[in-house]
Protein backbone atom coordinates (compact mmCIF):
# COMPACT_ATOMS: atom_id res chain seq x y z
CA MET A 1 100.18 -26.57 2.24
CA LEU A 2 98.83 -23.23 3.77
CA LYS A 3 96.25 -25.24 5.91
CA THR A 4 98.94 -27.62 6.92
CA LEU A 5 101.11 -24.71 8.02
CA THR A 6 98.45 -22.99 10.08
CA LYS A 7 97.58 -26.29 11.80
CA SER A 8 101.20 -26.76 12.62
CA LEU A 9 101.38 -23.32 13.95
CA MET A 10 98.12 -23.90 16.12
CA VAL A 11 99.37 -27.12 17.51
CA ALA A 12 102.83 -25.58 18.54
CA SER A 13 101.05 -22.55 20.22
CA ILE A 14 98.88 -24.94 22.18
CA LEU A 15 101.68 -27.29 23.42
CA ALA A 16 104.02 -24.14 24.29
CA SER A 17 101.25 -22.79 26.45
CA ALA A 18 100.22 -26.25 27.84
CA PRO A 19 102.18 -26.27 30.91
CA LEU A 20 101.21 -22.87 32.08
CA ALA A 21 97.43 -23.49 31.25
CA ALA A 22 97.63 -26.95 33.10
CA ALA A 23 99.07 -25.33 36.15
CA TRP A 24 96.01 -22.89 36.39
CA ALA A 25 93.37 -25.18 35.36
CA GLY A 26 94.42 -27.43 38.10
CA SER A 27 93.85 -24.87 40.72
CA HIS A 28 90.24 -23.69 41.63
CA ALA A 29 89.24 -20.25 39.93
CA ILE A 30 90.22 -17.55 42.16
CA ASN A 31 87.86 -14.31 42.75
CA LEU A 32 89.50 -11.06 44.04
CA ARG A 33 87.02 -8.62 45.76
CA ALA A 34 88.45 -5.20 45.29
CA THR A 35 87.07 -1.84 46.82
CA ALA A 36 87.50 1.80 46.58
CA ASN A 37 85.50 4.19 48.76
CA SER A 38 85.23 6.46 45.84
CA ASN A 39 83.23 6.73 42.54
CA GLU A 40 83.55 5.97 38.82
CA ASN A 41 85.02 9.45 37.98
CA ASP A 42 88.04 8.85 40.42
CA GLU A 43 91.36 7.88 39.58
CA ASP A 44 91.14 4.89 41.77
CA TYR A 45 88.34 3.50 39.65
CA ASP A 46 90.47 4.13 36.56
CA GLY A 47 93.33 1.96 38.37
CA LEU A 48 90.98 -0.87 39.20
CA VAL A 49 89.55 -1.05 35.78
CA VAL A 50 93.23 -1.38 34.36
CA PHE A 51 94.09 -4.04 36.86
CA LYS A 52 90.90 -6.13 36.52
CA ASN A 53 91.48 -6.07 32.46
CA TYR A 54 95.17 -7.08 32.93
CA VAL A 55 94.92 -9.68 35.59
CA GLU A 56 91.94 -11.67 34.09
CA GLN A 57 93.35 -11.75 30.49
CA ALA A 58 96.99 -12.40 31.73
CA SER A 59 95.94 -15.43 33.96
CA ASN A 60 93.74 -16.65 31.10
CA GLY A 61 90.65 -16.48 33.32
CA ALA A 62 92.02 -18.15 36.26
CA ILE A 63 91.79 -14.92 38.44
CA THR A 64 88.65 -12.80 38.33
CA VAL A 65 88.51 -9.37 39.99
CA GLU A 66 84.93 -8.15 41.21
CA LEU A 67 84.94 -4.34 41.79
CA PHE A 68 82.88 -2.54 44.62
CA ILE A 69 83.02 1.19 44.26
CA GLY A 70 81.88 3.27 47.04
CA THR A 71 80.75 1.84 50.38
CA GLN A 72 79.35 -1.46 49.70
CA LEU A 73 81.80 -3.66 51.57
CA CYS A 74 83.34 -0.93 54.22
CA SER A 75 82.91 2.64 54.97
CA ASN A 76 86.14 4.00 56.31
CA GLY A 77 89.93 3.14 56.48
CA ALA A 78 89.89 1.40 59.67
CA GLU A 79 86.91 -0.86 58.80
CA CYS A 80 88.21 -1.58 55.19
CA LEU A 81 91.67 -2.43 56.62
CA GLN A 82 90.16 -4.77 59.02
CA GLY A 83 88.42 -6.43 55.94
CA VAL A 84 91.55 -6.98 54.32
CA ALA A 85 93.19 -8.49 57.31
CA ASP A 86 90.44 -10.70 57.81
CA GLY A 87 90.01 -11.78 54.20
CA SER A 88 86.46 -10.62 53.54
CA ILE A 89 88.17 -7.94 51.28
CA ASP A 90 90.93 -8.79 49.06
CA ILE A 91 92.34 -5.61 47.58
CA TYR A 92 91.64 -1.92 49.24
CA ILE A 93 92.93 1.41 48.17
CA SER A 94 93.51 4.03 50.98
CA THR A 95 94.85 7.57 51.23
CA SER A 96 97.44 8.07 53.78
CA GLY A 97 94.81 9.76 55.95
CA GLY A 98 92.63 6.96 55.91
CA ALA A 99 95.15 4.36 56.66
CA SER A 100 97.02 6.21 59.38
CA GLY A 101 94.90 5.06 62.13
CA ILE A 102 96.34 1.34 61.60
CA PHE A 103 99.57 2.52 59.98
CA PRO A 104 100.55 5.80 61.45
CA PHE A 105 103.84 5.93 59.80
CA VAL A 106 102.11 6.24 56.16
CA GLN A 107 101.61 9.82 57.05
CA VAL A 108 105.08 10.39 55.85
CA LEU A 109 103.39 10.81 52.28
CA ASP A 110 101.91 14.16 53.86
CA LEU A 111 105.09 15.68 54.91
CA PRO A 112 105.24 18.74 52.88
CA TYR A 113 107.51 20.04 50.17
CA LEU A 114 109.78 16.85 49.87
CA MET A 115 109.05 15.76 46.31
CA ALA A 116 109.40 18.63 43.62
CA ASP A 117 107.34 16.94 40.86
CA ASP A 118 105.63 13.94 39.55
CA ARG A 119 108.89 12.71 37.99
CA VAL A 120 110.55 12.62 41.33
CA ALA A 121 107.62 11.07 43.02
CA GLU A 122 106.92 8.37 40.35
CA LYS A 123 110.80 7.30 40.84
CA VAL A 124 110.63 7.36 44.51
CA LEU A 125 107.43 5.07 44.37
CA GLU A 126 108.88 2.31 42.22
CA ASN A 127 108.87 -1.12 44.04
CA ASP A 128 112.68 -1.28 44.38
CA THR A 129 113.33 1.85 46.21
CA GLU A 130 114.75 2.04 49.84
CA PHE A 131 111.37 3.92 50.67
CA MET A 132 109.13 1.36 49.23
CA LYS A 133 111.04 -1.59 50.63
CA THR A 134 110.73 0.04 54.04
CA MET A 135 106.95 0.88 53.80
CA LYS A 136 106.23 -2.68 52.52
CA GLN A 137 108.10 -4.24 55.51
CA LYS A 138 106.48 -2.09 58.07
CA VAL A 139 102.90 -2.75 56.69
CA LEU A 140 103.67 -6.50 56.95
CA GLU A 141 105.09 -6.45 60.55
CA ASN A 142 102.56 -3.87 61.86
CA SER A 143 99.83 -6.22 60.64
CA GLN A 144 101.27 -9.53 61.99
CA GLY A 145 101.69 -10.67 58.46
CA SER A 146 98.06 -10.35 57.27
CA ILE A 147 98.15 -7.17 55.15
CA ARG A 148 100.45 -6.52 52.10
CA LEU A 149 101.18 -3.13 50.63
CA MET A 150 101.49 -3.83 46.98
CA THR A 151 102.06 -0.42 45.36
CA VAL A 152 101.66 3.35 45.93
CA GLY A 153 99.94 5.21 43.11
CA ASN A 154 98.16 8.70 42.98
CA THR A 155 94.71 9.84 43.80
CA GLY A 156 94.15 13.34 42.45
CA GLY A 157 97.68 14.82 41.71
CA TRP A 158 98.92 17.26 44.31
CA ARG A 159 97.48 18.58 47.57
CA ASN A 160 97.27 22.58 47.31
CA PHE A 161 95.65 25.04 49.88
CA ALA A 162 92.39 26.28 48.64
CA ASN A 163 90.07 28.71 50.74
CA THR A 164 86.82 30.80 50.41
CA LYS A 165 88.22 33.93 51.76
CA ARG A 166 91.58 35.34 50.04
CA ARG A 167 94.65 34.50 47.85
CA VAL A 168 97.22 32.70 49.92
CA ALA A 169 100.68 33.71 49.02
CA SER A 170 102.62 33.45 52.12
CA PRO A 171 102.30 31.63 55.39
CA SER A 172 101.05 34.76 57.02
CA ASP A 173 98.09 34.76 54.66
CA MET A 174 96.86 31.36 56.39
CA GLU A 175 96.54 33.08 59.75
CA GLY A 176 93.26 32.55 61.23
CA LEU A 177 91.75 30.37 58.49
CA LYS A 178 89.80 27.28 59.38
CA ILE A 179 91.32 24.61 57.11
CA ARG A 180 89.42 21.06 56.72
CA THR A 181 91.78 18.16 57.42
CA VAL A 182 91.22 14.42 57.88
CA VAL A 183 91.38 13.06 61.48
CA ALA A 184 95.11 12.14 61.00
CA ASP A 185 97.50 13.98 63.35
CA LEU A 186 100.15 15.09 60.66
CA PRO A 187 97.84 17.13 58.33
CA GLN A 188 96.64 18.77 61.66
CA GLU A 189 100.10 19.70 62.74
CA LEU A 190 100.92 21.08 59.40
CA VAL A 191 98.07 23.43 59.42
CA ARG A 192 98.83 24.48 62.86
CA ALA A 193 102.67 25.26 61.93
CA LEU A 194 101.27 27.53 59.16
CA GLY A 195 99.13 29.63 61.54
CA ALA A 196 95.75 28.14 60.63
CA SER A 197 93.16 26.14 62.57
CA PRO A 198 92.72 22.51 61.65
CA THR A 199 89.18 21.33 61.56
CA PRO A 200 88.61 17.78 60.79
CA ILE A 201 85.45 17.12 58.91
CA PRO A 202 84.15 14.13 57.05
CA TRP A 203 84.58 14.26 53.13
CA PRO A 204 80.80 14.09 52.52
CA GLU A 205 80.07 16.97 54.83
CA LEU A 206 82.57 19.39 53.42
CA PHE A 207 80.53 21.23 50.71
CA THR A 208 78.04 22.14 53.36
CA SER A 209 80.89 23.16 55.80
CA PHE A 210 82.12 25.53 53.13
CA GLN A 211 78.55 26.93 52.77
CA THR A 212 77.99 27.38 56.35
CA GLY A 213 81.48 28.76 57.24
CA VAL A 214 82.40 25.74 59.42
CA VAL A 215 85.59 25.60 57.55
CA GLU A 216 87.29 28.14 55.10
CA GLY A 217 89.73 26.05 53.31
CA SER A 218 91.03 22.66 52.59
CA LYS A 219 94.13 20.57 51.46
CA ASN A 220 92.91 19.14 48.02
CA GLY A 221 93.81 18.41 44.43
CA ILE A 222 91.89 20.19 41.76
CA THR A 223 90.30 17.28 40.34
CA ASP A 224 88.48 16.45 43.80
CA ILE A 225 87.77 20.35 44.11
CA MET A 226 85.98 20.49 40.95
CA GLY A 227 84.62 16.82 41.16
CA MET A 228 82.87 17.89 44.35
CA LYS A 229 81.73 21.36 42.87
CA PHE A 230 83.38 23.15 45.94
CA PRO A 231 83.39 26.34 44.05
CA ASP A 232 79.72 26.35 43.98
CA ALA A 233 80.08 26.48 47.90
CA GLY A 234 82.39 29.41 47.90
CA LEU A 235 85.76 27.87 47.47
CA GLN A 236 87.18 30.32 45.02
CA TYR A 237 90.99 30.59 45.85
CA VAL A 238 93.68 27.95 45.12
CA THR A 239 97.30 28.30 45.86
CA LEU A 240 99.22 25.75 43.72
CA ASP A 241 102.03 25.15 46.23
CA GLY A 242 101.94 21.38 45.67
CA HIS A 243 102.63 20.64 49.25
CA ALA A 244 102.08 17.01 48.96
CA TYR A 245 101.84 14.14 46.60
CA MET A 246 98.36 12.69 46.82
CA GLY A 247 99.59 8.85 47.31
CA ALA A 248 97.16 5.95 47.12
CA LEU A 249 98.21 3.00 49.09
CA TRP A 250 96.90 -0.29 47.43
CA PHE A 251 96.67 -3.14 50.08
CA MET A 252 96.11 -6.84 49.52
CA ASN A 253 95.37 -9.73 51.99
CA ASN A 254 98.67 -11.43 52.32
CA GLU A 255 97.44 -14.81 52.70
CA GLN A 256 95.53 -14.62 49.44
CA PHE A 257 98.55 -13.39 47.75
CA SER A 258 100.90 -15.78 49.41
CA GLY A 259 98.57 -18.64 48.40
CA LEU A 260 98.86 -18.36 44.65
CA SER A 261 101.26 -19.98 42.51
CA ASP A 262 104.39 -18.06 41.40
CA ASP A 263 102.87 -17.59 37.98
CA LEU A 264 99.88 -16.02 39.30
CA LYS A 265 101.73 -14.00 41.91
CA ARG A 266 103.71 -12.32 38.81
CA VAL A 267 100.43 -11.75 37.03
CA VAL A 268 99.17 -9.74 40.18
CA ILE A 269 102.28 -7.96 40.71
CA ASP A 270 102.33 -6.97 37.23
CA GLY A 271 98.67 -6.03 37.49
CA PHE A 272 99.28 -3.64 40.28
CA TYR A 273 102.32 -1.93 38.13
CA GLN A 274 99.89 -1.51 35.40
CA LEU A 275 97.26 0.00 37.94
CA GLN A 276 100.08 2.19 39.13
CA GLN A 277 100.97 3.70 35.90
CA ALA A 278 97.23 4.19 35.00
CA THR A 279 96.80 6.23 38.34
CA PHE A 280 99.95 8.41 37.75
CA ALA A 281 98.57 9.38 34.28
CA SER A 282 94.74 9.89 35.07
CA PRO A 283 95.10 12.87 37.32
CA LYS A 284 97.45 14.66 34.82
CA ARG A 285 94.89 14.36 32.09
CA LYS A 286 91.84 15.12 34.32
CA SER A 287 93.66 18.22 35.92
CA ILE A 288 93.85 20.07 32.58
CA GLN A 289 90.08 20.49 32.10
CA ALA A 290 89.57 20.81 36.05
CA TYR A 291 91.93 24.08 36.12
CA GLN A 292 90.28 25.46 33.13
CA ASP A 293 86.85 24.99 34.54
CA PHE A 294 87.75 26.57 37.98
CA ALA A 295 89.36 29.91 36.27
CA ALA A 296 86.38 29.99 33.77
CA GLY A 297 84.07 30.17 36.86
CA GLY A 298 85.98 33.11 38.24
CA GLY A 299 88.36 31.04 40.69
CA ASP A 300 91.76 32.51 41.36
CA LEU A 301 94.80 30.26 40.77
CA TYR A 302 98.00 31.54 42.29
CA VAL A 303 101.44 29.91 41.85
CA PRO A 304 103.91 30.84 44.54
CA THR A 305 107.24 32.10 43.60
CA PRO A 306 110.32 29.99 44.55
CA ASP A 307 110.99 32.43 47.46
CA GLU A 308 107.34 32.19 48.68
CA LYS A 309 107.34 28.26 48.42
CA ALA A 310 110.58 28.39 50.40
CA ALA A 311 109.04 30.46 53.04
CA PHE A 312 105.94 27.90 53.44
CA LYS A 313 108.52 25.07 53.92
CA GLU A 314 110.53 27.09 56.43
CA ALA A 315 107.22 27.49 58.24
CA ALA A 316 106.38 23.89 58.15
CA ALA A 317 109.63 22.77 59.59
CA PRO A 318 108.39 21.81 63.01
CA VAL A 319 106.22 18.85 61.37
CA PHE A 320 109.25 17.16 60.18
CA ASP A 321 110.50 16.90 64.02
CA TRP A 322 107.01 16.07 65.20
CA PHE A 323 106.63 13.03 62.91
CA GLN A 324 109.92 11.66 63.88
CA SER A 325 109.46 12.10 67.46
CA ASN A 326 105.51 11.15 67.67
CA VAL A 327 104.99 8.43 64.96
CA ASP A 328 106.21 4.94 65.79
CA GLY A 329 108.77 4.08 62.85
CA GLY A 330 108.46 7.60 61.59
CA GLY A 331 112.19 8.10 61.79
CA ASP A 332 112.82 4.92 59.45
CA VAL A 333 110.38 5.96 56.85
CA TYR A 334 111.47 9.55 56.78
CA ASN A 335 114.91 8.88 56.30
CA ALA A 336 114.32 6.22 53.74
CA LEU A 337 112.03 8.69 51.83
CA LEU A 338 114.87 11.43 51.92
CA ALA A 339 117.37 8.81 50.60
CA SER A 340 114.95 7.82 47.73
CA VAL A 341 114.15 11.30 46.80
CA GLU A 342 118.09 12.14 46.70
CA GLU A 343 118.45 9.18 44.63
CA ALA A 344 115.57 9.95 42.14
CA GLU A 345 116.96 13.41 41.85
CA ALA A 346 120.43 12.41 40.96
CA GLU A 347 119.02 9.75 38.40
CA ILE A 348 116.53 12.30 36.71
CA ALA A 349 119.41 14.88 36.58
CA ALA A 350 121.81 12.34 34.81
CA GLU A 351 118.92 11.59 32.36
CA ARG A 352 118.32 15.19 31.56
CA GLY A 353 122.17 15.80 31.12
CA SER A 354 122.24 12.65 28.73
CA ASP A 355 119.14 14.19 26.67
CA LEU A 356 120.84 17.34 26.48
CA GLU A 357 124.28 16.07 24.99
């Protein structure tokens, strides 16, 4: 009796999954080439591992994901995004600075002091918000339909000011410091607004630049600071102002995505959701040990008071006008971000109120 029941259940299961299996089996196997210009200790890698595992299992092997970590396929944002556009790369993750040469409006993620914490940022970056819809539409339009923005996750927590010289508790403490930035315009404008000197330096050269005094500070998350051993190069002061959420933009070749069946599109979309959640969580866990190690090594961690943080935001005010005036599409994404932040804050306040009842 038990054997008969087991056999019946197996047959029922096979028949139930047959239409989906047949649909996938009838198409050629799909291999997605995904790259991240980082390393296996990075949040980007954590996200890709989760994405690969989910997509391969949920598609029953109809999709395979091949990971290229580092510079095997491309070495910088412009080169990698060109690879996505022409189809030699299927999936690529970039910081806002890395993608700004192709999509200048993504620098909106570097506008300072707009999102208060992780809870706000994670709501704002949900796929159905006004901000994300606007960003996705602009990426498609500006790439002539060749590149699709799939999701925005996190790559290192929050940007904080760090330096080799002194504790920074107010904008006046930034005066004269040479701060490393990426080549993107907005981070340089922010550093100037705070009275420091922006100095674009390639990431691999930053350790030596701290040692030699070419730069005296940077805008990084603690996991990057400790992962690159910057305290050994003299970086001993970190101000936890959390001026920008370190957004990770995940792009995909639009032709590859559009050519998938609806079932496989859903698998890929859900895979990017899993990836996003993994990158949200990874920096929170890794930063605990990173902060402990920084302090144990003699590093100075300073948390600005609310009044001090307000002073930083006030000093940075010219950056908002600059962004809207000088970045094509900047006003649209800026207004969409403000609207989504306001909505997120209202939702969170309601949720907290409900929990307190």
